[in-house]
Amino acid sequence: MDRVNSEGIKRESLGWVLTRRDLVLRARRTGSCLLCCQGPVHEAGLCEVCTVMLTETEMKLVERWMAGVGP
């Protein structure tokens, strides 16, 4: 899946985006998922549906956000 919504980021860029505090915080502030642009979002700026589709590497980055550590 490249993009769920043309407004969201490209799937191939998600790993990089999850290392950018400013981009994740913007998604959290707007309540819009980084990938599909739906809400609500959790601490990593993703909705629950998109979180289920993550790779192991991406999930490790998300877990850092969920634990409050950040990038």
C-alpha atoms as a PDB file:
ATOM      1  CA  MET A   1       0.000   0.000   0.000  1.00  0.00           C
ATOM      2  CA  ASP A   2       1.593   3.265  -1.109  1.00  0.00           C
ATOM      3  CA  ARG A   3      -0.999   5.712   0.217  1.00  0.00           C
ATOM      4  CA  VAL A   4      -4.435   5.347   1.663  1.00  0.00           C
ATOM      5  CA  ASN A   5      -5.161   9.016   1.043  1.00  0.00           C
ATOM      6  CA  SER A   6      -3.352  11.382  -1.335  1.00  0.00           C
ATOM      7  CA  GLU A   7      -3.040  13.879   1.523  1.00  0.00           C
ATOM      8  CA  GLY A   8      -1.056  11.418   3.656  1.00  0.00           C
ATOM      9  CA  ILE A   9       2.633  10.678   3.453  1.00  0.00           C
ATOM     10  CA  LYS A  10       3.999   7.949   1.209  1.00  0.00           C
ATOM     11  CA  ARG A  11       4.236   4.639   3.026  1.00  0.00           C
ATOM     12  CA  GLU A  12       7.910   4.317   2.102  1.00  0.00           C
ATOM     13  CA  SER A  13       8.579   7.563   4.003  1.00  0.00           C
ATOM     14  CA  LEU A  14       6.916   6.508   7.262  1.00  0.00           C
ATOM     15  CA  GLY A  15      10.101   5.284   8.950  1.00  0.00           C
ATOM     16  CA  TRP A  16      11.800   8.605   8.290  1.00  0.00           C
ATOM     17  CA  VAL A  17       8.747  10.634   9.349  1.00  0.00           C
ATOM     18  CA  LEU A  18       8.557   8.754  12.664  1.00  0.00           C
ATOM     19  CA  THR A  19      12.041  10.064  13.451  1.00  0.00           C
ATOM     20  CA  ARG A  20      10.888  13.664  12.920  1.00  0.00           C
ATOM     21  CA  ARG A  21       9.429  15.101  16.105  1.00  0.00           C
ATOM     22  CA  ASP A  22       7.939  18.121  14.293  1.00  0.00           C
ATOM     23  CA  LEU A  23       5.965  16.015  11.808  1.00  0.00           C
ATOM     24  CA  VAL A  24       4.616  13.606  14.421  1.00  0.00           C
ATOM     25  CA  LEU A  25       3.638  16.473  16.726  1.00  0.00           C
ATOM     26  CA  ARG A  26       1.805  18.198  13.857  1.00  0.00           C
ATOM     27  CA  ALA A  27      -0.194  15.004  13.172  1.00  0.00           C
ATOM     28  CA  ARG A  28      -1.034  14.734  16.864  1.00  0.00           C
ATOM     29  CA  ARG A  29      -2.030  18.400  17.067  1.00  0.00           C
ATOM     30  CA  THR A  30      -4.351  18.164  14.053  1.00  0.00           C
ATOM     31  CA  GLY A  31      -5.628  14.701  15.008  1.00  0.00           C
ATOM     32  CA  SER A  32      -4.940  13.495  11.475  1.00  0.00           C
ATOM     33  CA  CYS A  33      -3.179  10.165  10.798  1.00  0.00           C
ATOM     34  CA  LEU A  34       0.147  10.481   8.999  1.00  0.00           C
ATOM     35  CA  LEU A  35      -0.862   7.810   6.467  1.00  0.00           C
ATOM     36  CA  CYS A  36      -4.623   7.992   5.927  1.00  0.00           C
ATOM     37  CA  CYS A  37      -5.446  11.427   7.406  1.00  0.00           C
ATOM     38  CA  GLN A  38      -8.254   9.998   9.563  1.00  0.00           C
ATOM     39  CA  GLY A  39      -8.519  10.390  13.310  1.00  0.00           C
ATOM     40  CA  PRO A  40      -8.201   9.960  16.161  1.00  0.00           C
ATOM     41  CA  VAL A  41      -4.469   9.364  16.395  1.00  0.00           C
ATOM     42  CA  HIS A  42      -2.235   8.065  19.189  1.00  0.00           C
ATOM     43  CA  GLU A  43       1.124   9.413  20.399  1.00  0.00           C
ATOM     44  CA  ALA A  44       2.932   8.412  17.183  1.00  0.00           C
ATOM     45  CA  GLY A  45       0.484  10.300  14.959  1.00  0.00           C
ATOM     46  CA  LEU A  46      -1.168   7.211  13.487  1.00  0.00           C
ATOM     47  CA  CYS A  47      -4.697   5.870  13.716  1.00  0.00           C
ATOM     48  CA  GLU A  48      -5.339   2.367  15.016  1.00  0.00           C
ATOM     49  CA  VAL A  49      -6.168   0.962  11.562  1.00  0.00           C
ATOM     50  CA  CYS A  50      -2.851   2.093  10.051  1.00  0.00           C
ATOM     51  CA  THR A  51      -0.941   0.950  13.146  1.00  0.00           C
ATOM     52  CA  VAL A  52      -2.098  -2.626  12.514  1.00  0.00           C
ATOM     53  CA  MET A  53      -0.459  -2.570   9.048  1.00  0.00           C
ATOM     54  CA  LEU A  54       3.036  -1.525  10.199  1.00  0.00           C
ATOM     55  CA  THR A  55       6.219  -3.475   9.605  1.00  0.00           C
ATOM     56  CA  GLU A  56       8.297  -4.658  12.548  1.00  0.00           C
ATOM     57  CA  THR A  57      10.789  -1.810  12.047  1.00  0.00           C
ATOM     58  CA  GLU A  58       8.038   0.814  11.919  1.00  0.00           C
ATOM     59  CA  MET A  59       6.373  -0.687  14.987  1.00  0.00           C
ATOM     60  CA  LYS A  60       9.582  -0.305  16.992  1.00  0.00           C
ATOM     61  CA  LEU A  61       9.588   3.420  16.176  1.00  0.00           C
ATOM     62  CA  VAL A  62       5.908   3.701  17.140  1.00  0.00           C
ATOM     63  CA  GLU A  63       6.565   1.915  20.438  1.00  0.00           C
ATOM     64  CA  ARG A  64       9.162   4.563  21.320  1.00  0.00           C
ATOM     65  CA  TRP A  65       6.523   7.261  20.816  1.00  0.00           C
ATOM     66  CA  MET A  66       3.945   5.305  22.808  1.00  0.00           C
ATOM     67  CA  ALA A  67       6.416   4.958  25.693  1.00  0.00           C
ATOM     68  CA  GLY A  68       6.964   8.731  25.705  1.00  0.00           C
ATOM     69  CA  VAL A  69      10.565   8.492  24.467  1.00  0.00           C
ATOM     70  CA  GLY A  70       9.945   9.947  21.006  1.00  0.00           C
ATOM     71  CA  PRO A  71      12.259   9.527  18.027  1.00  0.00           C
END
